[in-house]
Protein backbone atom coordinates (compact mmCIF):
# COMPACT_ATOMS: atom_id res chain seq x y z
CA UNK A 1 37.37 -0.79 -30.62
CA UNK A 2 36.11 -2.19 -27.32
CA UNK A 3 34.66 -5.12 -29.27
CA UNK A 4 38.08 -6.46 -30.25
CA UNK A 5 39.14 -9.74 -28.65
CA UNK A 6 42.51 -10.02 -26.91
CA UNK A 7 45.41 -11.18 -29.04
CA UNK A 8 46.74 -14.70 -28.54
CA UNK A 9 49.99 -15.53 -26.73
CA UNK A 10 51.82 -16.60 -29.89
CA UNK A 11 51.14 -13.31 -31.64
CA UNK A 12 52.38 -11.60 -28.49
CA UNK A 13 55.95 -12.82 -29.19
CA UNK A 14 55.81 -15.58 -26.61
CA UNK A 15 58.48 -17.62 -28.45
CA UNK A 16 61.29 -15.02 -28.24
CA UNK A 17 60.16 -14.10 -24.73
CA UNK A 18 60.25 -17.69 -23.47
CA UNK A 19 63.58 -18.26 -25.17
CA UNK A 20 65.03 -15.26 -23.35
CA UNK A 21 63.38 -16.29 -20.07
CA UNK A 22 65.13 -19.69 -20.25
CA UNK A 23 68.46 -18.87 -21.88
CA UNK A 24 69.47 -15.67 -20.11
CA UNK A 25 69.02 -16.86 -16.48
CA UNK A 26 70.82 -20.11 -17.30
CA UNK A 27 73.58 -18.03 -18.85
CA UNK A 28 73.98 -16.10 -15.61
CA UNK A 29 73.72 -18.96 -13.12
CA UNK A 30 74.89 -22.18 -14.82
CA UNK A 31 78.57 -22.53 -15.66
CA UNK A 32 77.89 -25.84 -17.42
CA UNK A 33 75.25 -24.23 -19.64
CA UNK A 34 77.55 -21.29 -20.44
CA UNK A 35 80.32 -23.66 -21.51
CA UNK A 36 78.35 -24.62 -24.63
CA UNK A 37 78.33 -21.02 -25.89
CA UNK A 38 81.98 -20.02 -25.79
CA UNK A 39 83.02 -20.63 -29.41
CA UNK A 40 83.99 -17.54 -31.43
CA UNK A 41 81.81 -16.45 -34.32
CA UNK A 42 83.21 -17.19 -37.75
CA UNK A 43 83.26 -14.50 -40.41
CA UNK A 44 80.51 -16.38 -42.23
CA UNK A 45 78.37 -16.37 -39.07
CA UNK A 46 78.93 -12.65 -38.58
CA UNK A 47 77.86 -11.87 -42.14
CA UNK A 48 74.85 -14.18 -41.81
CA UNK A 49 73.82 -12.30 -38.69
CA UNK A 50 74.22 -9.00 -40.55
CA UNK A 51 72.09 -10.37 -43.40
CA UNK A 52 69.38 -11.21 -40.87
CA UNK A 53 69.47 -7.62 -39.59
CA UNK A 54 69.09 -6.29 -43.14
CA UNK A 55 66.23 -8.72 -43.78
CA UNK A 56 64.53 -7.59 -40.56
CA UNK A 57 64.91 -3.93 -41.54
CA UNK A 58 63.30 -4.65 -44.91
CA UNK A 59 60.60 -6.62 -43.12
CA UNK A 60 59.74 -3.73 -40.82
CA UNK A 61 59.64 -1.33 -43.76
CA UNK A 62 57.22 -3.60 -45.61
CA UNK A 63 55.11 -4.05 -42.47
CA UNK A 64 54.94 -0.29 -41.98
CA UNK A 65 54.27 0.50 -45.63
CA UNK A 66 51.31 -1.87 -45.77
CA UNK A 67 50.09 -0.82 -42.31
CA UNK A 68 50.40 -3.99 -40.27
CA UNK A 69 49.50 -1.88 -37.25
CA UNK A 70 45.97 -1.54 -38.65
CA UNK A 71 45.26 -5.29 -38.60
CA UNK A 72 47.69 -7.00 -36.20
CA UNK A 73 45.88 -8.38 -33.12
CA UNK A 74 48.70 -7.18 -30.85
CA UNK A 75 48.70 -3.60 -32.12
CA UNK A 76 44.92 -3.41 -32.22
CA UNK A 77 44.33 -4.75 -28.72
CA UNK A 78 47.25 -2.76 -27.29
CA UNK A 79 45.61 0.29 -28.80
CA UNK A 80 42.65 -0.31 -26.51
CA UNK A 81 44.83 -0.17 -23.38
CA UNK A 82 44.72 2.82 -21.06
CA UNK A 83 48.42 3.55 -21.59
CA UNK A 84 47.93 3.80 -25.37
CA UNK A 85 45.11 6.34 -25.30
CA UNK A 86 47.55 9.19 -24.76
CA UNK A 87 49.78 9.12 -27.87
CA UNK A 88 52.66 10.91 -26.12
CA UNK A 89 52.59 8.40 -23.27
CA UNK A 90 52.39 5.54 -25.78
CA UNK A 91 55.45 6.81 -27.66
CA UNK A 92 57.35 7.17 -24.38
CA UNK A 93 56.42 3.69 -23.14
CA UNK A 94 57.31 2.20 -26.52
CA UNK A 95 60.65 3.97 -26.84
CA UNK A 96 62.04 3.60 -23.33
CA UNK A 97 61.90 -0.23 -23.03
CA UNK A 98 63.39 -0.51 -26.53
CA UNK A 99 66.20 1.89 -25.62
CA UNK A 100 66.93 0.13 -22.33
CA UNK A 101 66.80 -3.27 -24.05
CA UNK A 102 69.34 -2.05 -26.60
CA UNK A 103 71.64 -0.97 -23.76
CA UNK A 104 71.34 -4.37 -22.07
CA UNK A 105 72.15 -6.21 -25.31
CA UNK A 106 75.12 -3.86 -25.86
CA UNK A 107 76.35 -4.59 -22.33
CA UNK A 108 76.08 -8.33 -22.89
CA UNK A 109 78.02 -7.89 -26.11
CA UNK A 110 80.79 -6.11 -24.19
CA UNK A 111 81.00 -9.09 -21.83
CA UNK A 112 82.03 -11.30 -24.74
CA UNK A 113 81.61 -15.09 -24.78
CA UNK A 114 79.29 -16.79 -24.01
CA UNK A 115 76.87 -13.89 -24.43
CA UNK A 116 77.35 -13.49 -28.16
CA UNK A 117 75.85 -16.95 -28.75
CA UNK A 118 73.31 -16.72 -25.92
CA UNK A 119 71.85 -13.53 -27.39
CA UNK A 120 71.90 -15.19 -30.82
CA UNK A 121 69.78 -17.99 -29.34
CA UNK A 122 67.10 -15.45 -28.45
CA UNK A 123 67.35 -14.03 -31.98
CA UNK A 124 66.60 -17.50 -33.32
CA UNK A 125 63.34 -17.34 -31.36
CA UNK A 126 62.49 -14.27 -33.43
CA UNK A 127 63.24 -16.32 -36.53
CA UNK A 128 60.47 -18.71 -35.50
CA UNK A 129 58.11 -15.90 -34.49
CA UNK A 130 58.05 -14.31 -37.93
CA UNK A 131 56.25 -17.37 -39.31
CA UNK A 132 53.09 -15.63 -38.11
CA UNK A 133 52.95 -13.46 -41.24
CA UNK A 134 52.52 -16.35 -43.67
CA UNK A 135 50.20 -18.12 -41.22
CA UNK A 136 47.97 -15.04 -40.99
CA UNK A 137 47.97 -14.71 -44.78
CA UNK A 138 46.68 -18.27 -45.05
CA UNK A 139 44.22 -17.76 -42.21
CA UNK A 140 42.72 -14.61 -43.69
CA UNK A 141 43.04 -15.67 -47.34
CA UNK A 142 44.69 -12.38 -48.17
CA UNK A 143 48.28 -11.17 -48.02
CA UNK A 144 49.07 -10.04 -44.49
CA UNK A 145 51.45 -7.04 -44.28
CA UNK A 146 55.10 -8.05 -44.06
CA UNK A 147 54.61 -11.52 -45.53
CA UNK A 148 57.04 -11.26 -48.44
CA UNK A 149 59.99 -10.01 -46.39
CA UNK A 150 59.15 -12.36 -43.50
CA UNK A 151 59.79 -15.29 -45.83
CA UNK A 152 63.22 -13.82 -46.58
CA UNK A 153 63.97 -13.27 -42.89
CA UNK A 154 62.87 -16.76 -41.85
CA UNK A 155 64.94 -18.28 -44.66
CA UNK A 156 68.07 -16.39 -43.59
CA UNK A 157 67.54 -17.39 -39.97
CA UNK A 158 66.82 -21.08 -40.50
CA UNK A 159 69.03 -21.86 -43.47
CA UNK A 160 71.85 -19.47 -42.59
CA UNK A 161 72.06 -18.52 -38.93
CA UNK A 162 70.63 -21.65 -37.29
CA UNK A 163 72.96 -24.24 -38.88
CA UNK A 164 75.99 -22.12 -37.97
CA UNK A 165 74.70 -21.59 -34.43
CA UNK A 166 73.97 -25.30 -34.02
CA UNK A 167 77.41 -26.36 -35.19
CA UNK A 168 79.08 -24.05 -32.65
CA UNK A 169 76.77 -24.73 -29.68
CA UNK A 170 75.64 -28.34 -30.15
CA UNK A 171 78.12 -29.86 -32.56
CA UNK A 172 77.18 -32.94 -34.56
CA UNK A 173 73.88 -32.65 -36.37
CA UNK A 174 71.37 -35.07 -34.90
CA UNK A 175 67.96 -35.15 -33.27
CA UNK A 176 68.02 -31.55 -32.01
CA UNK A 177 69.07 -30.19 -35.39
CA UNK A 178 66.38 -31.97 -37.38
CA UNK A 179 63.86 -31.63 -34.55
CA UNK A 180 64.12 -27.84 -34.78
CA UNK A 181 63.09 -27.96 -38.44
CA UNK A 182 60.33 -30.45 -37.65
CA UNK A 183 58.95 -28.01 -35.06
CA UNK A 184 58.53 -25.18 -37.58
CA UNK A 185 55.36 -26.59 -39.22
CA UNK A 186 53.86 -27.05 -35.75
CA UNK A 187 54.66 -23.44 -34.86
CA UNK A 188 53.12 -22.34 -38.16
CA UNK A 189 50.00 -24.38 -37.38
CA UNK A 190 49.81 -22.76 -33.95
CA UNK A 191 49.87 -19.28 -35.48
CA UNK A 192 47.30 -20.29 -38.08
CA UNK A 193 44.85 -21.72 -35.55
CA UNK A 194 45.32 -18.80 -33.17
CA UNK A 195 44.59 -16.29 -35.91
CA UNK A 196 41.59 -18.26 -37.18
CA UNK A 197 40.13 -18.05 -33.69
CA UNK A 198 40.87 -14.32 -33.42
CA UNK A 199 39.39 -13.60 -36.85
CA UNK A 200 36.24 -15.55 -35.95
CA UNK A 201 35.75 -13.34 -32.88
CA UNK A 202 36.82 -9.97 -34.28
CA UNK A 203 34.68 -7.72 -36.48
CA UNK A 204 35.62 -7.92 -40.16
CA UNK A 205 36.93 -4.34 -40.30
CA UNK A 206 39.63 -5.29 -37.77
CA UNK A 207 41.31 -8.10 -39.67
CA UNK A 208 40.84 -6.33 -43.00
CA UNK A 209 42.85 -3.33 -41.82
CA UNK A 210 39.90 -0.94 -41.82
CA UNK A 211 39.98 0.09 -38.15
CA UNK A 212 40.86 3.74 -38.80
CA UNK A 213 38.06 4.03 -41.35
CA UNK A 214 35.58 2.46 -38.92
CA UNK A 215 36.62 4.87 -36.16
CA UNK A 216 36.29 7.84 -38.52
CA UNK A 217 32.77 6.77 -39.41
CA UNK A 218 31.86 6.43 -35.73
CA UNK A 219 33.22 9.91 -34.98
CA UNK A 220 31.36 11.36 -37.97
CA UNK A 221 28.11 9.74 -36.87
CA UNK A 222 28.48 11.08 -33.34
């Protein structure tokens, strides 16, 4: 496991993270920025958001069922970290930030506008992030876990949630609207190239999801 290269920034969820790092501080400190996010959510928008949650739940089930954690650069390299060597500590450090993050999002929801649309903006970053599944499938020339449901999730986000978000926050559909769609192939290309580099540096058992088998053989040999 010590031979595994570090995962790339894109695989490390840099898109949702950067979106949050820009949007949330501006939401707190800029009244002009907040003013663009005050519109109420329509019933259609609410149901689209719910559909994205369902799609994400299905996506995580598929990813778990086909053991994405056995071949994802993030999971594999995180597994080499000191904090992950103790499984109880790893579970604690995985659960607590998630729990606290849920509380923060709930608090922002209680605040009402403009936070409902600001948080949705971060969620759109996740809609771009999930392109990595299809990019990794192309990169590795085999179906990467979670690919099928990721296509569903991305479709719901970019053909359902995003147009509704744009119409409320931006208004008339122009350069930003079409530019967002034009950026998706570039994001896909970024994921593809990043994974090609990682695959070229990693041992074959890592990107083929055979890490546990390789470790078992090492333990048996020792």
